[in-house]
Amino acid sequence: TNGSIMNGAVKRLAQKENTRFTISLDS
């Protein structure tokens, strides 16, 4: 993900142990 969207669904996912976010950052 580009890490730009932080809605309720993303926040719930962030609390789950089985979830990983790879942020495409580039700088």
PDB file of all heavy atoms in Angstrom:
ATOM      1  N   THR A   1       0.825  -1.199   0.000  1.00  0.00           N
ATOM      2  CA  THR A   1       0.000   0.000   0.000  1.00  0.00           C
ATOM      3  C   THR A   1       0.861   1.251   0.000  1.00  0.00           C
ATOM      4  O   THR A   1       2.005   1.224   0.459  1.00  0.00           O
ATOM      5  CB  THR A   1      -0.935   0.000   1.238  1.00  0.00           C
ATOM      6  OG1 THR A   1      -1.569   1.280   1.384  1.00  0.00           O
ATOM      7  CG2 THR A   1      -0.160  -0.292   2.515  1.00  0.00           C
ATOM      8  N   ASN A   2       0.304   2.351  -0.493  1.00  0.00           N
ATOM      9  CA  ASN A   2       1.049   3.610  -0.423  1.00  0.00           C
ATOM     10  C   ASN A   2       0.926   4.285   0.939  1.00  0.00           C
ATOM     11  O   ASN A   2       1.550   5.316   1.185  1.00  0.00           O
ATOM     12  CB  ASN A   2       0.645   4.561  -1.557  1.00  0.00           C
ATOM     13  CG  ASN A   2      -0.837   4.912  -1.558  1.00  0.00           C
ATOM     14  OD1 ASN A   2      -1.468   5.049  -0.510  1.00  0.00           O
ATOM     15  ND2 ASN A   2      -1.403   5.061  -2.750  1.00  0.00           N
ATOM     16  N   GLY A   3       0.109   3.716   1.814  1.00  0.00           N
ATOM     17  CA  GLY A   3       0.022   4.214   3.185  1.00  0.00           C
ATOM     18  C   GLY A   3      -0.783   5.480   3.353  1.00  0.00           C
ATOM     19  O   GLY A   3      -0.770   6.095   4.423  1.00  0.00           O
ATOM     20  N   SER A   4      -1.526   5.869   2.334  1.00  0.00           N
ATOM     21  CA  SER A   4      -2.231   7.153   2.384  1.00  0.00           C
ATOM     22  C   SER A   4      -3.622   7.053   2.991  1.00  0.00           C
ATOM     23  O   SER A   4      -4.195   8.059   3.410  1.00  0.00           O
ATOM     24  CB  SER A   4      -2.342   7.738   0.972  1.00  0.00           C
ATOM     25  OG  SER A   4      -3.174   6.927   0.152  1.00  0.00           O
ATOM     26  N   ILE A   5      -4.198   5.835   3.018  1.00  0.00           N
ATOM     27  CA  ILE A   5      -5.586   5.662   3.461  1.00  0.00           C
ATOM     28  C   ILE A   5      -5.613   5.029   4.846  1.00  0.00           C
ATOM     29  O   ILE A   5      -5.040   3.960   5.065  1.00  0.00           O
ATOM     30  CB  ILE A   5      -6.363   4.795   2.450  1.00  0.00           C
ATOM     31  CG1 ILE A   5      -6.438   5.503   1.086  1.00  0.00           C
ATOM     32  CG2 ILE A   5      -7.769   4.483   2.966  1.00  0.00           C
ATOM     33  CD1 ILE A   5      -7.045   4.675  -0.019  1.00  0.00           C
ATOM     34  N   MET A   6      -6.274   5.710   5.777  1.00  0.00           N
ATOM     35  CA  MET A   6      -6.394   5.207   7.140  1.00  0.00           C
ATOM     36  C   MET A   6      -7.851   5.329   7.579  1.00  0.00           C
ATOM     37  O   MET A   6      -8.245   6.222   8.320  1.00  0.00           O
ATOM     38  CB  MET A   6      -5.459   5.987   8.081  1.00  0.00           C
ATOM     39  CG  MET A   6      -5.398   5.439   9.507  1.00  0.00           C
ATOM     40  SD  MET A   6      -4.901   3.703   9.594  1.00  0.00           S
ATOM     41  CE  MET A   6      -3.215   3.801   8.998  1.00  0.00           C
ATOM     42  N   ASN A   7      -8.671   4.409   7.069  1.00  0.00           N
ATOM     43  CA  ASN A   7     -10.090   4.404   7.436  1.00  0.00           C
ATOM     44  C   ASN A   7     -10.336   3.381   8.542  1.00  0.00           C
ATOM     45  O   ASN A   7      -9.409   2.751   9.055  1.00  0.00           O
ATOM     46  CB  ASN A   7     -10.962   4.130   6.206  1.00  0.00           C
ATOM     47  CG  ASN A   7     -10.574   2.828   5.495  1.00  0.00           C
ATOM     48  OD1 ASN A   7     -10.074   1.899   6.129  1.00  0.00           O
ATOM     49  ND2 ASN A   7     -10.795   2.774   4.187  1.00  0.00           N
ATOM     50  N   GLY A   8     -11.610   3.200   8.893  1.00  0.00           N
ATOM     51  CA  GLY A   8     -11.944   2.287   9.982  1.00  0.00           C
ATOM     52  C   GLY A   8     -11.513   0.860   9.714  1.00  0.00           C
ATOM     53  O   GLY A   8     -11.032   0.165  10.618  1.00  0.00           O
ATOM     54  N   ALA A   9     -11.669   0.409   8.467  1.00  0.00           N
ATOM     55  CA  ALA A   9     -11.287  -0.963   8.119  1.00  0.00           C
ATOM     56  C   ALA A   9      -9.787  -1.173   8.281  1.00  0.00           C
ATOM     57  O   ALA A   9      -9.344  -2.209   8.798  1.00  0.00           O
ATOM     58  CB  ALA A   9     -11.718  -1.271   6.682  1.00  0.00           C
ATOM     59  N   VAL A  10      -8.985  -0.201   7.849  1.00  0.00           N
ATOM     60  CA  VAL A  10      -7.533  -0.308   7.972  1.00  0.00           C
ATOM     61  C   VAL A  10      -7.135  -0.312   9.450  1.00  0.00           C
ATOM     62  O   VAL A  10      -6.257  -1.081   9.868  1.00  0.00           O
ATOM     63  CB  VAL A  10      -6.829   0.836   7.219  1.00  0.00           C
ATOM     64  CG1 VAL A  10      -5.316   0.732   7.379  1.00  0.00           C
ATOM     65  CG2 VAL A  10      -7.206   0.829   5.738  1.00  0.00           C
ATOM     66  N   LYS A  11      -7.789   0.514  10.243  1.00  0.00           N
ATOM     67  CA  LYS A  11      -7.486   0.560  11.677  1.00  0.00           C
ATOM     68  C   LYS A  11      -7.802  -0.767  12.358  1.00  0.00           C
ATOM     69  O   LYS A  11      -7.061  -1.218  13.239  1.00  0.00           O
ATOM     70  CB  LYS A  11      -8.263   1.702  12.329  1.00  0.00           C
ATOM     71  CG  LYS A  11      -7.744   3.082  11.948  1.00  0.00           C
ATOM     72  CD  LYS A  11      -8.547   4.191  12.616  1.00  0.00           C
ATOM     73  CE  LYS A  11      -7.977   5.557  12.244  1.00  0.00           C
ATOM     74  NZ  LYS A  11      -8.745   6.674  12.853  1.00  0.00           N
ATOM     75  N   ARG A  12      -8.895  -1.408  11.939  1.00  0.00           N
ATOM     76  CA  ARG A  12      -9.229  -2.719  12.514  1.00  0.00           C
ATOM     77  C   ARG A  12      -8.201  -3.769  12.104  1.00  0.00           C
ATOM     78  O   ARG A  12      -7.805  -4.622  12.907  1.00  0.00           O
ATOM     79  CB  ARG A  12     -10.639  -3.133  12.085  1.00  0.00           C
ATOM     80  CG  ARG A  12     -11.751  -2.333  12.763  1.00  0.00           C
ATOM     81  CD  ARG A  12     -13.120  -2.942  12.507  1.00  0.00           C
ATOM     82  NE  ARG A  12     -13.508  -2.865  11.101  1.00  0.00           N
ATOM     83  CZ  ARG A  12     -14.110  -1.806  10.548  1.00  0.00           C
ATOM     84  NH1 ARG A  12     -14.378  -0.730  11.285  1.00  0.00           N
ATOM     85  NH2 ARG A  12     -14.454  -1.815   9.282  1.00  0.00           N
ATOM     86  N   LEU A  13      -7.778  -3.702  10.855  1.00  0.00           N
ATOM     87  CA  LEU A  13      -6.759  -4.642  10.377  1.00  0.00           C
ATOM     88  C   LEU A  13      -5.445  -4.468  11.143  1.00  0.00           C
ATOM     89  O   LEU A  13      -4.728  -5.438  11.401  1.00  0.00           O
ATOM     90  CB  LEU A  13      -6.512  -4.431   8.883  1.00  0.00           C
ATOM     91  CG  LEU A  13      -7.594  -4.949   7.937  1.00  0.00           C
ATOM     92  CD1 LEU A  13      -7.420  -4.339   6.549  1.00  0.00           C
ATOM     93  CD2 LEU A  13      -7.559  -6.479   7.851  1.00  0.00           C
ATOM     94  N   ALA A  14      -5.131  -3.233  11.493  1.00  0.00           N
ATOM     95  CA  ALA A  14      -3.877  -2.942  12.190  1.00  0.00           C
ATOM     96  C   ALA A  14      -3.804  -3.619  13.552  1.00  0.00           C
ATOM     97  O   ALA A  14      -2.709  -3.814  14.103  1.00  0.00           O
ATOM     98  CB  ALA A  14      -3.707  -1.434  12.345  1.00  0.00           C
ATOM     99  N   GLN A  15      -4.940  -4.007  14.086  1.00  0.00           N
ATOM    100  CA  GLN A  15      -4.977  -4.638  15.401  1.00  0.00           C
ATOM    101  C   GLN A  15      -4.921  -6.163  15.323  1.00  0.00           C
ATOM    102  O   GLN A  15      -4.886  -6.840  16.347  1.00  0.00           O
ATOM    103  CB  GLN A  15      -6.237  -4.194  16.144  1.00  0.00           C
ATOM    104  CG  GLN A  15      -6.270  -2.691  16.407  1.00  0.00           C
ATOM    105  CD  GLN A  15      -7.589  -2.217  16.982  1.00  0.00           C
ATOM    106  OE1 GLN A  15      -8.381  -3.011  17.469  1.00  0.00           O
ATOM    107  NE2 GLN A  15      -7.834  -0.917  16.935  1.00  0.00           N
ATOM    108  N   LYS A  16      -4.893  -6.689  14.103  1.00  0.00           N
ATOM    109  CA  LYS A  16      -4.879  -8.142  13.933  1.00  0.00           C
ATOM    110  C   LYS A  16      -3.445  -8.652  13.782  1.00  0.00           C
ATOM    111  O   LYS A  16      -2.646  -8.087  13.048  1.00  0.00           O
ATOM    112  CB  LYS A  16      -5.703  -8.533  12.700  1.00  0.00           C
ATOM    113  CG  LYS A  16      -7.197  -8.216  12.840  1.00  0.00           C
ATOM    114  CD  LYS A  16      -7.946  -8.628  11.599  1.00  0.00           C
ATOM    115  CE  LYS A  16      -9.429  -8.320  11.692  1.00  0.00           C
ATOM    116  NZ  LYS A  16     -10.110  -9.147  12.727  1.00  0.00           N
ATOM    117  N   GLU A  17      -3.148  -9.742  14.455  1.00  0.00           N
ATOM    118  CA  GLU A  17      -1.789 -10.281  14.445  1.00  0.00           C
ATOM    119  C   GLU A  17      -1.392 -10.881  13.101  1.00  0.00           C
ATOM    120  O   GLU A  17      -0.207 -10.997  12.800  1.00  0.00           O
ATOM    121  CB  GLU A  17      -1.643 -11.343  15.536  1.00  0.00           C
ATOM    122  CG  GLU A  17      -1.687 -10.773  16.957  1.00  0.00           C
ATOM    123  CD  GLU A  17      -1.447 -11.829  18.007  1.00  0.00           C
ATOM    124  OE1 GLU A  17      -1.242 -13.010  17.616  1.00  0.00           O
ATOM    125  OE2 GLU A  17      -1.454 -11.496  19.206  1.00  0.00           O
ATOM    126  N   ASN A  18      -2.371 -11.267  12.302  1.00  0.00           N
ATOM    127  CA  ASN A  18      -2.061 -11.966  11.048  1.00  0.00           C
ATOM    128  C   ASN A  18      -1.916 -11.018   9.861  1.00  0.00           C
ATOM    129  O   ASN A  18      -1.896 -11.452   8.714  1.00  0.00           O
ATOM    130  CB  ASN A  18      -3.156 -12.990  10.732  1.00  0.00           C
ATOM    131  CG  ASN A  18      -4.502 -12.334  10.417  1.00  0.00           C
ATOM    132  OD1 ASN A  18      -4.776 -11.217  10.860  1.00  0.00           O
ATOM    133  ND2 ASN A  18      -5.328 -13.022   9.638  1.00  0.00           N
ATOM    134  N   THR A  19      -1.810  -9.716  10.111  1.00  0.00           N
ATOM    135  CA  THR A  19      -1.814  -8.722   9.040  1.00  0.00           C
ATOM    136  C   THR A  19      -0.475  -7.992   8.961  1.00  0.00           C
ATOM    137  O   THR A  19       0.115  -7.643   9.991  1.00  0.00           O
ATOM    138  CB  THR A  19      -2.939  -7.686   9.259  1.00  0.00           C
ATOM    139  OG1 THR A  19      -4.186  -8.373   9.391  1.00  0.00           O
ATOM    140  CG2 THR A  19      -3.028  -6.720   8.095  1.00  0.00           C
ATOM    141  N   ARG A  20      -0.026  -7.762   7.739  1.00  0.00           N
ATOM    142  CA  ARG A  20       1.205  -7.014   7.509  1.00  0.00           C
ATOM    143  C   ARG A  20       0.951  -5.937   6.461  1.00  0.00           C
ATOM    144  O   ARG A  20       0.284  -6.173   5.451  1.00  0.00           O
ATOM    145  CB  ARG A  20       2.317  -7.943   7.017  1.00  0.00           C
ATOM    146  CG  ARG A  20       3.613  -7.219   6.625  1.00  0.00           C
ATOM    147  CD  ARG A  20       4.586  -8.181   5.961  1.00  0.00           C
ATOM    148  NE  ARG A  20       5.735  -7.497   5.386  1.00  0.00           N
ATOM    149  CZ  ARG A  20       6.921  -7.396   5.962  1.00  0.00           C
ATOM    150  NH1 ARG A  20       7.128  -7.943   7.134  1.00  0.00           N
ATOM    151  NH2 ARG A  20       7.923  -6.765   5.360  1.00  0.00           N
ATOM    152  N   PHE A  21       1.502  -4.759   6.708  1.00  0.00           N
ATOM    153  CA  PHE A  21       1.423  -3.646   5.767  1.00  0.00           C
ATOM    154  C   PHE A  21       2.829  -3.355   5.244  1.00  0.00           C
ATOM    155  O   PHE A  21       3.731  -3.058   6.028  1.00  0.00           O
ATOM    156  CB  PHE A  21       0.884  -2.387   6.448  1.00  0.00           C
ATOM    157  CG  PHE A  21      -0.461  -2.547   7.098  1.00  0.00           C
ATOM    158  CD1 PHE A  21      -0.562  -3.030   8.407  1.00  0.00           C
ATOM    159  CD2 PHE A  21      -1.624  -2.229   6.417  1.00  0.00           C
ATOM    160  CE1 PHE A  21      -1.804  -3.171   9.015  1.00  0.00           C
ATOM    161  CE2 PHE A  21      -2.865  -2.373   7.015  1.00  0.00           C
ATOM    162  CZ  PHE A  21      -2.960  -2.845   8.314  1.00  0.00           C
ATOM    163  N   THR A  22       3.013  -3.453   3.940  1.00  0.00           N
ATOM    164  CA  THR A  22       4.267  -3.016   3.332  1.00  0.00           C
ATOM    165  C   THR A  22       3.995  -1.679   2.657  1.00  0.00           C
ATOM    166  O   THR A  22       3.229  -1.597   1.697  1.00  0.00           O
ATOM    167  CB  THR A  22       4.783  -4.038   2.313  1.00  0.00           C
ATOM    168  OG1 THR A  22       5.088  -5.264   2.992  1.00  0.00           O
ATOM    169  CG2 THR A  22       6.047  -3.529   1.632  1.00  0.00           C
ATOM    170  N   ILE A  23       4.610  -0.638   3.202  1.00  0.00           N
ATOM    171  CA  ILE A  23       4.371   0.722   2.709  1.00  0.00           C
ATOM    172  C   ILE A  23       5.357   1.039   1.583  1.00  0.00           C
ATOM    173  O   ILE A  23       6.577   0.971   1.780  1.00  0.00           O
ATOM    174  CB  ILE A  23       4.544   1.771   3.829  1.00  0.00           C
ATOM    175  CG1 ILE A  23       3.781   1.354   5.096  1.00  0.00           C
ATOM    176  CG2 ILE A  23       4.099   3.149   3.333  1.00  0.00           C
ATOM    177  CD1 ILE A  23       2.308   1.321   4.979  1.00  0.00           C
ATOM    178  N   SER A  24       4.832   1.350   0.417  1.00  0.00           N
ATOM    179  CA  SER A  24       5.685   1.792  -0.696  1.00  0.00           C
ATOM    180  C   SER A  24       6.042   3.251  -0.441  1.00  0.00           C
ATOM    181  O   SER A  24       5.218   4.147  -0.628  1.00  0.00           O
ATOM    182  CB  SER A  24       4.939   1.647  -2.026  1.00  0.00           C
ATOM    183  OG  SER A  24       4.605   0.307  -2.263  1.00  0.00           O
ATOM    184  N   LEU A  25       7.263   3.476  -0.007  1.00  0.00           N
ATOM    185  CA  LEU A  25       7.630   4.798   0.489  1.00  0.00           C
ATOM    186  C   LEU A  25       8.520   5.576  -0.477  1.00  0.00           C
ATOM    187  O   LEU A  25       8.246   6.735  -0.795  1.00  0.00           O
ATOM    188  CB  LEU A  25       8.333   4.638   1.850  1.00  0.00           C
ATOM    189  CG  LEU A  25       8.428   5.877   2.740  1.00  0.00           C
ATOM    190  CD1 LEU A  25       7.072   6.511   2.955  1.00  0.00           C
ATOM    191  CD2 LEU A  25       9.054   5.500   4.081  1.00  0.00           C
ATOM    192  N   ASP A  26       9.610   4.987  -0.895  1.00  0.00           N
ATOM    193  CA  ASP A  26      10.525   5.549  -1.906  1.00  0.00           C
ATOM    194  C   ASP A  26      11.355   6.734  -1.432  1.00  0.00           C
ATOM    195  O   ASP A  26      12.369   7.043  -2.061  1.00  0.00           O
ATOM    196  CB  ASP A  26       9.787   5.951  -3.188  1.00  0.00           C
ATOM    197  CG  ASP A  26       9.178   4.769  -3.907  1.00  0.00           C
ATOM    198  OD1 ASP A  26       9.421   3.622  -3.473  1.00  0.00           O
ATOM    199  OD2 ASP A  26       8.450   4.971  -4.888  1.00  0.00           O
ATOM    200  N   SER A  27      10.941   7.408  -0.374  1.00  0.00           N
ATOM    201  CA  SER A  27      11.748   8.511   0.154  1.00  0.00           C
ATOM    202  C   SER A  27      11.242   8.911   1.530  1.00  0.00           C
ATOM    203  O   SER A  27      10.039   8.853   1.804  1.00  0.00           O
ATOM    204  CB  SER A  27      11.697   9.725  -0.775  1.00  0.00           C
ATOM    205  OG  SER A  27      12.502  10.775  -0.268  1.00  0.00           O
TER     206      SER A  27
END
